[in-house]
PDB file of N, CA and C in Angstrom:
ATOM      1  N   MET A   1     -65.671 126.660 -24.922  1.00  0.00           N
ATOM      2  CA  MET A   1     -65.150 125.982 -23.798  1.00  0.00           C
ATOM      3  C   MET A   1     -63.604 125.762 -23.962  1.00  0.00           C
ATOM      4  N   GLN A   2     -63.000 125.768 -22.844  1.00  0.00           N
ATOM      5  CA  GLN A   2     -61.689 125.579 -22.813  1.00  0.00           C
ATOM      6  C   GLN A   2     -61.371 123.988 -22.864  1.00  0.00           C
ATOM      7  N   ALA A   3     -60.135 123.575 -23.459  1.00  0.00           N
ATOM      8  CA  ALA A   3     -59.766 122.140 -23.559  1.00  0.00           C
ATOM      9  C   ALA A   3     -59.755 121.612 -22.141  1.00  0.00           C
ATOM     10  N   HIS A   4     -59.289 122.208 -21.026  1.00  0.00           N
ATOM     11  CA  HIS A   4     -59.198 121.562 -19.911  1.00  0.00           C
ATOM     12  C   HIS A   4     -60.634 121.290 -19.395  1.00  0.00           C
ATOM     13  N   GLN A   5     -61.572 122.120 -19.698  1.00  0.00           N
ATOM     14  CA  GLN A   5     -62.937 121.745 -19.307  1.00  0.00           C
ATOM     15  C   GLN A   5     -63.581 120.637 -20.112  1.00  0.00           C
ATOM     16  N   VAL A   6     -63.313 120.484 -21.407  1.00  0.00           N
ATOM     17  CA  VAL A   6     -63.593 119.234 -22.091  1.00  0.00           C
ATOM     18  C   VAL A   6     -62.953 118.126 -21.667  1.00  0.00           C
ATOM     19  N   PHE A   7     -61.650 117.939 -21.285  1.00  0.00           N
ATOM     20  CA  PHE A   7     -60.981 116.864 -20.824  1.00  0.00           C
ATOM     21  C   PHE A   7     -61.459 116.514 -19.452  1.00  0.00           C
ATOM     22  N   GLU A   8     -61.700 117.561 -18.600  1.00  0.00           N
ATOM     23  CA  GLU A   8     -62.423 117.200 -17.281  1.00  0.00           C
ATOM     24  C   GLU A   8     -63.636 116.438 -17.426  1.00  0.00           C
ATOM     25  N   GLU A   9     -64.487 116.901 -18.281  1.00  0.00           N
ATOM     26  CA  GLU A   9     -65.800 116.268 -18.513  1.00  0.00           C
ATOM     27  C   GLU A   9     -65.619 114.919 -19.070  1.00  0.00           C
ATOM     28  N   MET A  10     -64.640 114.751 -20.041  1.00  0.00           N
ATOM     29  CA  MET A  10     -64.475 113.381 -20.687  1.00  0.00           C
ATOM     30  C   MET A  10     -63.926 112.329 -19.493  1.00  0.00           C
ATOM     31  N   GLY A  11     -63.149 112.974 -18.610  1.00  0.00           N
ATOM     32  CA  GLY A  11     -62.649 112.002 -17.362  1.00  0.00           C
ATOM     33  C   GLY A  11     -63.771 111.406 -16.565  1.00  0.00           C
ATOM     34  N   LYS A  12     -65.086 111.990 -16.789  1.00  0.00           N
ATOM     35  CA  LYS A  12     -66.135 111.430 -16.107  1.00  0.00           C
ATOM     36  C   LYS A  12     -66.599 110.210 -16.700  1.00  0.00           C
ATOM     37  N   LYS A  13     -66.325 109.982 -18.010  1.00  0.00           N
ATOM     38  CA  LYS A  13     -66.689 108.764 -18.754  1.00  0.00           C
ATOM     39  C   LYS A  13     -68.211 108.646 -18.845  1.00  0.00           C
ATOM     40  N   ASN A  14     -68.945 109.686 -19.041  1.00  0.00           N
ATOM     41  CA  ASN A  14     -70.356 109.702 -19.114  1.00  0.00           C
ATOM     42  C   ASN A  14     -70.991 109.818 -20.553  1.00  0.00           C
ATOM     43  N   GLY A  15     -70.228 110.103 -21.632  1.00  0.00           N
ATOM     44  CA  GLY A  15     -70.760 110.131 -22.930  1.00  0.00           C
ATOM     45  C   GLY A  15     -71.175 111.510 -23.296  1.00  0.00           C
ATOM     46  N   ALA A  16     -70.687 112.483 -22.449  1.00  0.00           N
ATOM     47  CA  ALA A  16     -71.339 113.917 -22.653  1.00  0.00           C
ATOM     48  C   ALA A  16     -70.423 114.636 -23.640  1.00  0.00           C
ATOM     49  N   VAL A  17     -69.178 114.049 -24.131  1.00  0.00           N
ATOM     50  CA  VAL A  17     -68.407 114.826 -25.035  1.00  0.00           C
ATOM     51  C   VAL A  17     -68.356 114.005 -26.300  1.00  0.00           C
ATOM     52  N   LEU A  18     -68.601 114.682 -27.372  1.00  0.00           N
ATOM     53  CA  LEU A  18     -68.612 113.953 -28.758  1.00  0.00           C
ATOM     54  C   LEU A  18     -67.746 114.776 -29.621  1.00  0.00           C
ATOM     55  N   GLU A  19     -67.146 113.914 -30.573  1.00  0.00           N
ATOM     56  CA  GLU A  19     -66.550 114.593 -31.770  1.00  0.00           C
ATOM     57  C   GLU A  19     -67.460 114.950 -32.800  1.00  0.00           C
ATOM     58  N   SER A  20     -67.275 116.178 -33.382  1.00  0.00           N
ATOM     59  CA  SER A  20     -68.269 116.774 -34.318  1.00  0.00           C
ATOM     60  C   SER A  20     -68.207 115.899 -35.546  1.00  0.00           C
ATOM     61  N   GLY A  21     -67.252 115.421 -35.970  1.00  0.00           N
ATOM     62  CA  GLY A  21     -67.024 114.646 -37.173  1.00  0.00           C
ATOM     63  C   GLY A  21     -66.498 115.233 -38.420  1.00  0.00           C
ATOM     64  N   SER A  22     -66.754 116.493 -38.612  1.00  0.00           N
ATOM     65  CA  SER A  22     -66.234 117.266 -39.737  1.00  0.00           C
ATOM     66  C   SER A  22     -66.355 118.629 -39.453  1.00  0.00           C
ATOM     67  N   HIS A  23     -65.489 119.586 -40.172  1.00  0.00           N
ATOM     68  CA  HIS A  23     -65.530 120.899 -39.875  1.00  0.00           C
ATOM     69  C   HIS A  23     -66.891 121.491 -40.300  1.00  0.00           C
ATOM     70  N   ALA A  24     -67.473 120.935 -41.314  1.00  0.00           N
ATOM     71  CA  ALA A  24     -68.698 121.447 -41.805  1.00  0.00           C
ATOM     72  C   ALA A  24     -69.779 121.155 -40.911  1.00  0.00           C
ATOM     73  N   TRP A  25     -69.776 120.037 -40.368  1.00  0.00           N
ATOM     74  CA  TRP A  25     -70.812 119.608 -39.467  1.00  0.00           C
ATOM     75  C   TRP A  25     -70.710 120.417 -38.098  1.00  0.00           C
ATOM     76  N   HIS A  26     -69.557 120.641 -37.707  1.00  0.00           N
ATOM     77  CA  HIS A  26     -69.190 121.448 -36.444  1.00  0.00           C
ATOM     78  C   HIS A  26     -69.726 122.751 -36.584  1.00  0.00           C
ATOM     79  N   ARG A  27     -69.456 123.449 -37.783  1.00  0.00           N
ATOM     80  CA  ARG A  27     -69.848 124.733 -38.099  1.00  0.00           C
ATOM     81  C   ARG A  27     -71.444 124.902 -38.208  1.00  0.00           C
ATOM     82  N   ASP A  28     -72.058 123.863 -38.764  1.00  0.00           N
ATOM     83  CA  ASP A  28     -73.522 123.680 -38.839  1.00  0.00           C
ATOM     84  C   ASP A  28     -74.145 123.735 -37.409  1.00  0.00           C
ATOM     85  N   LEU A  29     -73.502 122.860 -36.415  1.00  0.00           N
ATOM     86  CA  LEU A  29     -74.130 122.725 -35.098  1.00  0.00           C
ATOM     87  C   LEU A  29     -73.968 124.043 -34.349  1.00  0.00           C
ATOM     88  N   TRP A  30     -72.872 124.785 -34.727  1.00  0.00           N
ATOM     89  CA  TRP A  30     -72.479 126.048 -33.998  1.00  0.00           C
ATOM     90  C   TRP A  30     -73.559 127.061 -34.485  1.00  0.00           C
ATOM     91  N   GLN A  31     -73.795 127.215 -35.632  1.00  0.00           N
ATOM     92  CA  GLN A  31     -74.854 128.095 -36.283  1.00  0.00           C
ATOM     93  C   GLN A  31     -76.242 127.727 -35.744  1.00  0.00           C
ATOM     94  N   ARG A  32     -76.602 126.496 -35.561  1.00  0.00           N
ATOM     95  CA  ARG A  32     -77.881 126.044 -35.063  1.00  0.00           C
ATOM     96  C   ARG A  32     -78.062 126.533 -33.544  1.00  0.00           C
ATOM     97  N   ALA A  33     -76.942 126.439 -32.913  1.00  0.00           N
ATOM     98  CA  ALA A  33     -76.799 126.800 -31.566  1.00  0.00           C
ATOM     99  C   ALA A  33     -76.893 128.335 -31.261  1.00  0.00           C
ATOM    100  N   GLY A  34     -76.910 129.066 -32.454  1.00  0.00           N
ATOM    101  CA  GLY A  34     -77.099 130.480 -32.330  1.00  0.00           C
ATOM    102  C   GLY A  34     -75.760 131.266 -32.252  1.00  0.00           C
ATOM    103  N   GLY A  35     -74.728 130.431 -32.850  1.00  0.00           N
ATOM    104  CA  GLY A  35     -73.277 131.088 -32.662  1.00  0.00           C
ATOM    105  C   GLY A  35     -72.910 132.016 -33.815  1.00  0.00           C
ATOM    106  N   GLN A  36     -72.077 132.761 -33.722  1.00  0.00           N
ATOM    107  CA  GLN A  36     -71.617 133.822 -34.683  1.00  0.00           C
ATOM    108  C   GLN A  36     -70.990 132.820 -35.848  1.00  0.00           C
ATOM    109  N   THR A  37     -70.979 133.280 -37.100  1.00  0.00           N
ATOM    110  CA  THR A  37     -70.506 132.333 -38.128  1.00  0.00           C
ATOM    111  C   THR A  37     -69.132 132.694 -38.251  1.00  0.00           C
ATOM    112  N   ASP A  38     -68.474 133.793 -37.779  1.00  0.00           N
ATOM    113  CA  ASP A  38     -66.935 134.054 -37.912  1.00  0.00           C
ATOM    114  C   ASP A  38     -66.220 133.634 -36.886  1.00  0.00           C
ATOM    115  N   THR A  39     -66.826 133.190 -35.882  1.00  0.00           N
ATOM    116  CA  THR A  39     -65.838 132.771 -34.672  1.00  0.00           C
ATOM    117  C   THR A  39     -66.443 131.402 -34.112  1.00  0.00           C
ATOM    118  N   ILE A  40     -66.101 130.362 -34.671  1.00  0.00           N
ATOM    119  CA  ILE A  40     -66.527 128.969 -34.241  1.00  0.00           C
ATOM    120  C   ILE A  40     -65.468 128.523 -33.373  1.00  0.00           C
ATOM    121  N   PRO A  41     -65.766 128.224 -32.034  1.00  0.00           N
ATOM    122  CA  PRO A  41     -64.913 127.623 -31.117  1.00  0.00           C
ATOM    123  C   PRO A  41     -64.577 126.062 -31.390  1.00  0.00           C
ATOM    124  N   VAL A  42     -63.450 125.647 -30.945  1.00  0.00           N
ATOM    125  CA  VAL A  42     -63.132 124.255 -31.055  1.00  0.00           C
ATOM    126  C   VAL A  42     -64.169 123.381 -30.350  1.00  0.00           C
ATOM    127  N   ALA A  43     -64.655 123.825 -29.249  1.00  0.00           N
ATOM    128  CA  ALA A  43     -65.575 123.126 -28.400  1.00  0.00           C
ATOM    129  C   ALA A  43     -66.745 123.919 -27.850  1.00  0.00           C
ATOM    130  N   PHE A  44     -67.975 123.448 -27.949  1.00  0.00           N
ATOM    131  CA  PHE A  44     -69.130 124.149 -27.404  1.00  0.00           C
ATOM    132  C   PHE A  44     -70.208 123.211 -27.073  1.00  0.00           C
ATOM    133  N   LYS A  45     -71.132 123.653 -26.131  1.00  0.00           N
ATOM    134  CA  LYS A  45     -72.270 122.686 -25.807  1.00  0.00           C
ATOM    135  C   LYS A  45     -73.401 122.922 -26.851  1.00  0.00           C
ATOM    136  N   PHE A  46     -74.026 121.847 -27.160  1.00  0.00           N
ATOM    137  CA  PHE A  46     -75.142 121.820 -28.195  1.00  0.00           C
ATOM    138  C   PHE A  46     -76.002 120.625 -27.886  1.00  0.00           C
ATOM    139  N   ALA A  47     -77.330 120.743 -27.530  1.00  0.00           N
ATOM    140  CA  ALA A  47     -78.213 119.617 -27.380  1.00  0.00           C
ATOM    141  C   ALA A  47     -77.864 118.826 -26.104  1.00  0.00           C
ATOM    142  N   GLY A  48     -77.370 119.401 -25.210  1.00  0.00           N
ATOM    143  CA  GLY A  48     -76.870 118.638 -23.845  1.00  0.00           C
ATOM    144  C   GLY A  48     -75.544 118.009 -23.956  1.00  0.00           C
ATOM    145  N   LYS A  49     -74.826 118.140 -25.154  1.00  0.00           N
ATOM    146  CA  LYS A  49     -73.580 117.472 -25.229  1.00  0.00           C
ATOM    147  C   LYS A  49     -72.545 118.465 -25.537  1.00  0.00           C
ATOM    148  N   ILE A  50     -71.349 118.179 -25.341  1.00  0.00           N
ATOM    149  CA  ILE A  50     -70.186 118.977 -25.802  1.00  0.00           C
ATOM    150  C   ILE A  50     -69.695 118.578 -26.967  1.00  0.00           C
ATOM    151  N   ARG A  51     -69.601 119.341 -28.135  1.00  0.00           N
ATOM    152  CA  ARG A  51     -68.989 119.022 -29.309  1.00  0.00           C
ATOM    153  C   ARG A  51     -67.795 119.544 -29.576  1.00  0.00           C
ATOM    154  N   VAL A  52     -66.944 118.635 -30.133  1.00  0.00           N
ATOM    155  CA  VAL A  52     -65.388 119.088 -30.300  1.00  0.00           C
ATOM    156  C   VAL A  52     -64.972 118.857 -31.719  1.00  0.00           C
ATOM    157  N   ASP A  53     -64.321 119.851 -32.387  1.00  0.00           N
ATOM    158  CA  ASP A  53     -63.733 119.585 -33.611  1.00  0.00           C
ATOM    159  C   ASP A  53     -62.325 119.319 -33.348  1.00  0.00           C
ATOM    160  N   ILE A  54     -62.031 117.986 -33.241  1.00  0.00           N
ATOM    161  CA  ILE A  54     -60.758 117.460 -32.882  1.00  0.00           C
ATOM    162  C   ILE A  54     -59.594 117.735 -33.861  1.00  0.00           C
ATOM    163  N   GLU A  55     -59.865 118.026 -35.108  1.00  0.00           N
ATOM    164  CA  GLU A  55     -58.983 118.330 -36.095  1.00  0.00           C
ATOM    165  C   GLU A  55     -58.356 119.787 -35.854  1.00  0.00           C
ATOM    166  N   LYS A  56     -59.072 120.571 -35.020  1.00  0.00           N
ATOM    167  CA  LYS A  56     -58.493 121.923 -34.748  1.00  0.00           C
ATOM    168  C   LYS A  56     -57.800 121.959 -33.380  1.00  0.00           C
ATOM    169  N   LEU A  57     -57.700 120.748 -32.770  1.00  0.00           N
ATOM    170  CA  LEU A  57     -56.875 120.667 -31.647  1.00  0.00           C
ATOM    171  C   LEU A  57     -55.511 120.608 -31.859  1.00  0.00           C
ATOM    172  N   PRO A  58     -54.593 121.126 -30.982  1.00  0.00           N
ATOM    173  CA  PRO A  58     -53.058 121.156 -31.217  1.00  0.00           C
ATOM    174  C   PRO A  58     -52.774 119.656 -31.042  1.00  0.00           C
ATOM    175  N   LYS A  59     -51.608 119.271 -31.579  1.00  0.00           N
ATOM    176  CA  LYS A  59     -51.295 117.691 -31.406  1.00  0.00           C
ATOM    177  C   LYS A  59     -51.355 117.139 -29.909  1.00  0.00           C
ATOM    178  N   ASP A  60     -50.830 117.948 -29.028  1.00  0.00           N
ATOM    179  CA  ASP A  60     -50.718 117.348 -27.529  1.00  0.00           C
ATOM    180  C   ASP A  60     -52.148 117.154 -27.179  1.00  0.00           C
ATOM    181  N   GLN A  61     -53.103 118.034 -27.485  1.00  0.00           N
ATOM    182  CA  GLN A  61     -54.508 117.940 -27.084  1.00  0.00           C
ATOM    183  C   GLN A  61     -55.100 116.896 -27.804  1.00  0.00           C
ATOM    184  N   ARG A  62     -54.854 116.634 -28.865  1.00  0.00           N
ATOM    185  CA  ARG A  62     -55.407 115.402 -29.766  1.00  0.00           C
ATOM    186  C   ARG A  62     -54.970 114.233 -29.125  1.00  0.00           C
ATOM    187  N   GLU A  63     -53.826 114.023 -28.750  1.00  0.00           N
ATOM    188  CA  GLU A  63     -53.163 112.943 -28.030  1.00  0.00           C
ATOM    189  C   GLU A  63     -53.970 112.674 -26.695  1.00  0.00           C
ATOM    190  N   THR A  64     -54.181 113.707 -25.935  1.00  0.00           N
ATOM    191  CA  THR A  64     -55.062 113.662 -24.760  1.00  0.00           C
ATOM    192  C   THR A  64     -56.402 113.186 -25.053  1.00  0.00           C
ATOM    193  N   TRP A  65     -57.116 113.798 -26.162  1.00  0.00           N
ATOM    194  CA  TRP A  65     -58.402 113.400 -26.583  1.00  0.00           C
ATOM    195  C   TRP A  65     -58.455 111.900 -26.827  1.00  0.00           C
ATOM    196  N   ILE A  66     -57.551 111.342 -27.698  1.00  0.00           N
ATOM    197  CA  ILE A  66     -57.498 110.012 -27.942  1.00  0.00           C
ATOM    198  C   ILE A  66     -57.462 109.044 -26.692  1.00  0.00           C
ATOM    199  N   LYS A  67     -56.584 109.438 -25.778  1.00  0.00           N
ATOM    200  CA  LYS A  67     -56.553 108.675 -24.508  1.00  0.00           C
ATOM    201  C   LYS A  67     -57.873 108.669 -23.724  1.00  0.00           C
ATOM    202  N   LEU A  68     -58.395 109.832 -23.648  1.00  0.00           N
ATOM    203  CA  LEU A  68     -59.741 109.998 -22.754  1.00  0.00           C
ATOM    204  C   LEU A  68     -60.807 109.395 -23.558  1.00  0.00           C
ATOM    205  N   ASP A  69     -60.976 109.611 -24.866  1.00  0.00           N
ATOM    206  CA  ASP A  69     -61.957 109.011 -25.649  1.00  0.00           C
ATOM    207  C   ASP A  69     -62.007 107.616 -25.692  1.00  0.00           C
ATOM    208  N   THR A  70     -60.806 107.002 -25.614  1.00  0.00           N
ATOM    209  CA  THR A  70     -60.705 105.444 -25.493  1.00  0.00           C
ATOM    210  C   THR A  70     -61.150 104.987 -24.293  1.00  0.00           C
ATOM    211  N   ALA A  71     -60.730 105.555 -23.140  1.00  0.00           N
ATOM    212  CA  ALA A  71     -61.215 105.338 -21.886  1.00  0.00           C
ATOM    213  C   ALA A  71     -62.722 105.390 -21.634  1.00  0.00           C
ATOM    214  N   GLN A  72     -63.163 106.526 -22.237  1.00  0.00           N
ATOM    215  CA  GLN A  72     -64.709 106.815 -22.128  1.00  0.00           C
ATOM    216  C   GLN A  72     -65.381 105.623 -22.927  1.00  0.00           C
ATOM    217  N   ASP A  73     -64.898 105.411 -24.109  1.00  0.00           N
ATOM    218  CA  ASP A  73     -65.473 104.232 -25.035  1.00  0.00           C
ATOM    219  C   ASP A  73     -65.668 102.899 -24.242  1.00  0.00           C
ATOM    220  N   THR A  74     -64.303 102.642 -23.562  1.00  0.00           N
ATOM    221  CA  THR A  74     -64.266 101.411 -22.866  1.00  0.00           C
ATOM    222  C   THR A  74     -65.434 101.294 -21.728  1.00  0.00           C
ATOM    223  N   ALA A  75     -65.561 102.528 -21.054  1.00  0.00           N
ATOM    224  CA  ALA A  75     -66.414 102.466 -19.934  1.00  0.00           C
ATOM    225  C   ALA A  75     -67.893 102.332 -20.243  1.00  0.00           C
ATOM    226  N   LEU A  76     -68.183 102.860 -21.572  1.00  0.00           N
ATOM    227  CA  LEU A  76     -69.508 102.886 -22.128  1.00  0.00           C
ATOM    228  C   LEU A  76     -69.896 101.568 -22.859  1.00  0.00           C
ATOM    229  N   GLY A  77     -68.938 100.625 -22.891  1.00  0.00           N
ATOM    230  CA  GLY A  77     -69.183  99.351 -23.612  1.00  0.00           C
ATOM    231  C   GLY A  77     -68.221  99.012 -24.716  1.00  0.00           C
ATOM    232  N   GLY A  78     -67.308  99.862 -25.070  1.00  0.00           N
ATOM    233  CA  GLY A  78     -66.377  99.542 -26.054  1.00  0.00           C
ATOM    234  C   GLY A  78     -66.775  99.308 -27.471  1.00  0.00           C
ATOM    235  N   LYS A  79     -67.561 100.143 -28.146  1.00  0.00           N
ATOM    236  CA  LYS A  79     -68.172  99.928 -29.334  1.00  0.00           C
ATOM    237  C   LYS A  79     -67.353 100.636 -30.439  1.00  0.00           C
ATOM    238  N   ASN A  80     -66.601 101.889 -30.116  1.00  0.00           N
ATOM    239  CA  ASN A  80     -65.895 102.770 -31.116  1.00  0.00           C
ATOM    240  C   ASN A  80     -64.484 102.392 -31.602  1.00  0.00           C
ATOM    241  N   TYR A  81     -63.779 101.656 -30.762  1.00  0.00           N
ATOM    242  CA  TYR A  81     -62.376 101.365 -30.974  1.00  0.00           C
ATOM    243  C   TYR A  81     -62.301  99.852 -31.192  1.00  0.00           C
ATOM    244  N   PRO A  82     -61.424  99.422 -32.071  1.00  0.00           N
ATOM    245  CA  PRO A  82     -61.082  98.004 -32.200  1.00  0.00           C
ATOM    246  C   PRO A  82     -60.433  97.377 -31.105  1.00  0.00           C
ATOM    247  N   LYS A  83     -60.671  96.123 -30.769  1.00  0.00           N
ATOM    248  CA  LYS A  83     -59.954  95.393 -29.526  1.00  0.00           C
ATOM    249  C   LYS A  83     -58.579  95.320 -29.977  1.00  0.00           C
ATOM    250  N   LYS A  84     -57.564  95.356 -29.044  1.00  0.00           N
ATOM    251  CA  LYS A  84     -56.205  95.094 -29.330  1.00  0.00           C
ATOM    252  C   LYS A  84     -55.720  93.631 -29.266  1.00  0.00           C
TER     253      LYS A  84
END
């Protein structure tokens, strides 16, 4: 998936986009999804969700991720980010 597709989905604030958590976990999910072991994309669909390896995103896309993820978290009850 392309970054703009991921960000478009995140804008819906429906919880369909998740951070994979680590490179190893992201790779494992990709392999479980039947992906090639030598070409692991930054984002892909798995089990009805879009998984993203945010450490592989360029800085500007990481900043966009944080803004959209914070907004999504707020829309879903605000459990993942500390209150300001």
